[in-house]
Amino acid sequence: MLVLTRKKNQAVMIGDQISVTILEIKGDAVRIGISAPGDTVILRGELYKKVREENLTAAGSDSSSAELLKKIMRKR
């Protein structure tokens, strides 16, 4: 892990296209701004973990659940 010290309005570049700027520091909270290409997915760490867990759960589900869902959708 790279650890840097930045002040308000200072930025860190990640590659050539991603910029992380310190916008505000209030107590123990820091507001950051991220500039990145539109096709770059940016998620908070806790949300990323939740999405990853959901994807792993979905990938591990058996095909009978998928078949049941198909049958239900055909009846509508």
N, C-alpha and C. Protein backbone atom coordinates (compact mmCIF):
# COMPACT_ATOMS: atom_id res chain seq x y z
N MET A 1 0.84 -1.17 0.00
CA MET A 1 0.00 0.00 0.00
C MET A 1 0.89 1.24 0.00
N LEU A 2 0.58 2.15 -0.88
CA LEU A 2 1.28 3.43 -0.92
C LEU A 2 0.54 4.40 -0.01
N VAL A 3 1.25 5.04 0.88
CA VAL A 3 0.65 6.01 1.80
C VAL A 3 1.24 7.38 1.49
N LEU A 4 0.36 8.35 1.24
CA LEU A 4 0.77 9.71 0.91
C LEU A 4 0.11 10.71 1.85
N THR A 5 0.73 11.84 2.01
CA THR A 5 0.12 12.94 2.74
C THR A 5 -0.24 14.01 1.71
N ARG A 6 -1.48 14.47 1.74
CA ARG A 6 -1.96 15.49 0.82
C ARG A 6 -2.72 16.54 1.61
N LYS A 7 -2.71 17.75 1.13
CA LYS A 7 -3.48 18.83 1.73
C LYS A 7 -4.68 19.14 0.84
N LYS A 8 -5.58 19.96 1.35
CA LYS A 8 -6.76 20.34 0.60
C LYS A 8 -6.35 20.89 -0.78
N ASN A 9 -7.10 20.47 -1.79
CA ASN A 9 -6.90 20.86 -3.20
C ASN A 9 -5.66 20.24 -3.85
N GLN A 10 -4.96 19.36 -3.15
CA GLN A 10 -3.86 18.64 -3.77
C GLN A 10 -4.40 17.33 -4.33
N ALA A 11 -3.75 16.82 -5.36
CA ALA A 11 -4.24 15.63 -6.05
C ALA A 11 -3.18 14.54 -6.11
N VAL A 12 -3.64 13.35 -6.42
CA VAL A 12 -2.79 12.20 -6.68
C VAL A 12 -3.24 11.65 -8.03
N MET A 13 -2.30 11.34 -8.90
CA MET A 13 -2.61 10.76 -10.20
C MET A 13 -2.41 9.25 -10.15
N ILE A 14 -3.36 8.54 -10.73
CA ILE A 14 -3.26 7.08 -10.88
C ILE A 14 -3.20 6.85 -12.39
N GLY A 15 -2.05 6.50 -12.87
CA GLY A 15 -1.87 6.40 -14.32
C GLY A 15 -2.01 7.78 -14.94
N ASP A 16 -2.41 7.81 -16.21
CA ASP A 16 -2.54 9.08 -16.92
C ASP A 16 -3.96 9.65 -16.89
N GLN A 17 -4.94 8.84 -16.47
CA GLN A 17 -6.33 9.25 -16.64
C GLN A 17 -7.15 9.37 -15.35
N ILE A 18 -6.59 8.99 -14.23
CA ILE A 18 -7.36 9.03 -12.98
C ILE A 18 -6.69 9.99 -12.01
N SER A 19 -7.49 10.95 -11.53
CA SER A 19 -7.00 11.94 -10.58
C SER A 19 -7.87 11.90 -9.33
N VAL A 20 -7.24 11.84 -8.17
CA VAL A 20 -7.94 11.86 -6.89
C VAL A 20 -7.53 13.15 -6.18
N THR A 21 -8.51 14.01 -5.91
CA THR A 21 -8.24 15.32 -5.31
C THR A 21 -8.88 15.42 -3.93
N ILE A 22 -8.14 15.94 -2.97
CA ILE A 22 -8.68 16.19 -1.63
C ILE A 22 -9.52 17.46 -1.70
N LEU A 23 -10.81 17.35 -1.42
CA LEU A 23 -11.71 18.49 -1.51
C LEU A 23 -11.94 19.19 -0.18
N GLU A 24 -12.03 18.39 0.89
CA GLU A 24 -12.35 18.97 2.19
C GLU A 24 -11.88 18.03 3.29
N ILE A 25 -11.42 18.60 4.38
CA ILE A 25 -11.03 17.82 5.55
C ILE A 25 -11.80 18.39 6.73
N LYS A 26 -12.63 17.54 7.34
CA LYS A 26 -13.46 17.96 8.48
C LYS A 26 -13.34 16.90 9.56
N GLY A 27 -12.64 17.21 10.63
CA GLY A 27 -12.46 16.22 11.70
C GLY A 27 -11.74 15.00 11.16
N ASP A 28 -12.38 13.84 11.33
CA ASP A 28 -11.76 12.60 10.84
C ASP A 28 -12.32 12.17 9.48
N ALA A 29 -13.07 13.05 8.82
CA ALA A 29 -13.63 12.74 7.50
C ALA A 29 -12.91 13.55 6.42
N VAL A 30 -12.65 12.90 5.31
CA VAL A 30 -12.00 13.54 4.18
C VAL A 30 -12.90 13.36 2.96
N ARG A 31 -13.24 14.46 2.29
CA ARG A 31 -14.01 14.37 1.04
C ARG A 31 -13.02 14.37 -0.10
N ILE A 32 -13.17 13.43 -1.01
CA ILE A 32 -12.30 13.34 -2.16
C ILE A 32 -13.12 13.45 -3.44
N GLY A 33 -12.49 13.92 -4.49
CA GLY A 33 -13.09 13.94 -5.81
C GLY A 33 -12.26 13.05 -6.72
N ILE A 34 -12.93 12.28 -7.54
CA ILE A 34 -12.23 11.36 -8.45
C ILE A 34 -12.61 11.70 -9.87
N SER A 35 -11.63 12.00 -10.70
CA SER A 35 -11.84 12.22 -12.13
C SER A 35 -11.27 11.01 -12.85
N ALA A 36 -12.14 10.35 -13.63
CA ALA A 36 -11.71 9.15 -14.35
C ALA A 36 -12.55 9.01 -15.62
N PRO A 37 -12.07 8.24 -16.58
CA PRO A 37 -12.87 8.00 -17.78
C PRO A 37 -14.23 7.40 -17.42
N GLY A 38 -15.22 7.65 -18.25
CA GLY A 38 -16.58 7.19 -17.98
C GLY A 38 -16.73 5.68 -17.86
N ASP A 39 -15.84 4.92 -18.49
CA ASP A 39 -15.96 3.46 -18.42
C ASP A 39 -15.24 2.86 -17.21
N THR A 40 -14.71 3.71 -16.34
CA THR A 40 -14.04 3.25 -15.13
C THR A 40 -15.05 3.09 -14.01
N VAL A 41 -15.13 1.90 -13.44
CA VAL A 41 -16.05 1.64 -12.34
C VAL A 41 -15.39 2.11 -11.05
N ILE A 42 -16.11 2.96 -10.30
CA ILE A 42 -15.61 3.46 -9.03
C ILE A 42 -16.65 3.14 -7.96
N LEU A 43 -16.28 2.36 -6.97
CA LEU A 43 -17.19 1.97 -5.89
C LEU A 43 -16.52 2.19 -4.55
N ARG A 44 -17.33 2.52 -3.54
CA ARG A 44 -16.81 2.55 -2.17
C ARG A 44 -16.38 1.12 -1.81
N GLY A 45 -15.39 0.99 -0.95
CA GLY A 45 -14.86 -0.33 -0.59
C GLY A 45 -15.91 -1.29 -0.08
N GLU A 46 -16.79 -0.81 0.83
CA GLU A 46 -17.81 -1.70 1.40
C GLU A 46 -18.83 -2.13 0.36
N LEU A 47 -19.15 -1.25 -0.60
CA LEU A 47 -20.08 -1.61 -1.66
C LEU A 47 -19.44 -2.61 -2.61
N TYR A 48 -18.16 -2.41 -2.92
CA TYR A 48 -17.44 -3.35 -3.77
C TYR A 48 -17.47 -4.75 -3.17
N LYS A 49 -17.23 -4.86 -1.86
CA LYS A 49 -17.25 -6.17 -1.20
C LYS A 49 -18.63 -6.81 -1.30
N LYS A 50 -19.68 -6.02 -1.09
CA LYS A 50 -21.04 -6.55 -1.14
C LYS A 50 -21.38 -7.05 -2.55
N VAL A 51 -21.04 -6.27 -3.57
CA VAL A 51 -21.29 -6.67 -4.95
C VAL A 51 -20.53 -7.96 -5.26
N ARG A 52 -19.29 -8.02 -4.82
CA ARG A 52 -18.47 -9.21 -5.07
C ARG A 52 -19.08 -10.45 -4.41
N GLU A 53 -19.54 -10.30 -3.15
CA GLU A 53 -20.18 -11.42 -2.46
C GLU A 53 -21.44 -11.87 -3.19
N GLU A 54 -22.25 -10.91 -3.63
CA GLU A 54 -23.49 -11.24 -4.36
C GLU A 54 -23.16 -11.97 -5.67
N ASN A 55 -22.13 -11.51 -6.37
CA ASN A 55 -21.74 -12.16 -7.63
C ASN A 55 -21.26 -13.59 -7.38
N LEU A 56 -20.48 -13.79 -6.31
CA LEU A 56 -20.01 -15.14 -6.00
C LEU A 56 -21.16 -16.05 -5.62
N THR A 57 -22.13 -15.52 -4.88
CA THR A 57 -23.30 -16.30 -4.50
C THR A 57 -24.10 -16.68 -5.74
N ALA A 58 -24.32 -15.71 -6.62
CA ALA A 58 -25.08 -15.97 -7.84
C ALA A 58 -24.37 -16.99 -8.74
N ALA A 59 -23.06 -16.89 -8.83
CA ALA A 59 -22.29 -17.81 -9.67
C ALA A 59 -22.32 -19.23 -9.10
N GLY A 60 -22.49 -19.35 -7.79
CA GLY A 60 -22.50 -20.66 -7.17
C GLY A 60 -23.88 -21.30 -7.09
N SER A 61 -24.92 -20.55 -7.47
CA SER A 61 -26.27 -21.12 -7.38
C SER A 61 -26.44 -22.21 -8.43
N ASP A 62 -27.28 -23.18 -8.13
CA ASP A 62 -27.46 -24.30 -9.05
C ASP A 62 -28.39 -23.92 -10.21
N SER A 63 -28.33 -24.70 -11.27
CA SER A 63 -29.11 -24.40 -12.46
C SER A 63 -30.60 -24.61 -12.24
N SER A 64 -31.00 -25.39 -11.23
CA SER A 64 -32.43 -25.61 -10.99
C SER A 64 -33.13 -24.31 -10.62
N SER A 65 -32.46 -23.42 -9.93
CA SER A 65 -33.04 -22.11 -9.60
C SER A 65 -33.27 -21.30 -10.86
N ALA A 66 -32.32 -21.34 -11.77
CA ALA A 66 -32.45 -20.61 -13.04
C ALA A 66 -33.60 -21.19 -13.86
N GLU A 67 -33.71 -22.51 -13.88
CA GLU A 67 -34.79 -23.15 -14.64
C GLU A 67 -36.15 -22.80 -14.05
N LEU A 68 -36.25 -22.77 -12.73
CA LEU A 68 -37.49 -22.40 -12.07
C LEU A 68 -37.88 -20.98 -12.42
N LEU A 69 -36.93 -20.08 -12.42
CA LEU A 69 -37.20 -18.69 -12.77
C LEU A 69 -37.67 -18.58 -14.22
N LYS A 70 -37.07 -19.34 -15.12
CA LYS A 70 -37.50 -19.33 -16.52
C LYS A 70 -38.95 -19.78 -16.65
N LYS A 71 -39.31 -20.84 -15.92
CA LYS A 71 -40.68 -21.34 -15.98
C LYS A 71 -41.67 -20.29 -15.47
N ILE A 72 -41.33 -19.64 -14.38
CA ILE A 72 -42.21 -18.61 -13.82
C ILE A 72 -42.39 -17.47 -14.82
N MET A 73 -41.31 -17.05 -15.46
CA MET A 73 -41.37 -15.94 -16.41
C MET A 73 -42.16 -16.31 -17.65
N ARG A 74 -42.11 -17.56 -18.09
CA ARG A 74 -42.87 -17.99 -19.28
C ARG A 74 -44.37 -17.95 -19.02
N LYS A 75 -44.78 -18.19 -17.79
CA LYS A 75 -46.21 -18.21 -17.45
C LYS A 75 -46.82 -16.83 -17.48
N ARG A 76 -46.03 -15.80 -17.41
CA ARG A 76 -46.56 -14.43 -17.38
C ARG A 76 -46.82 -13.92 -18.72
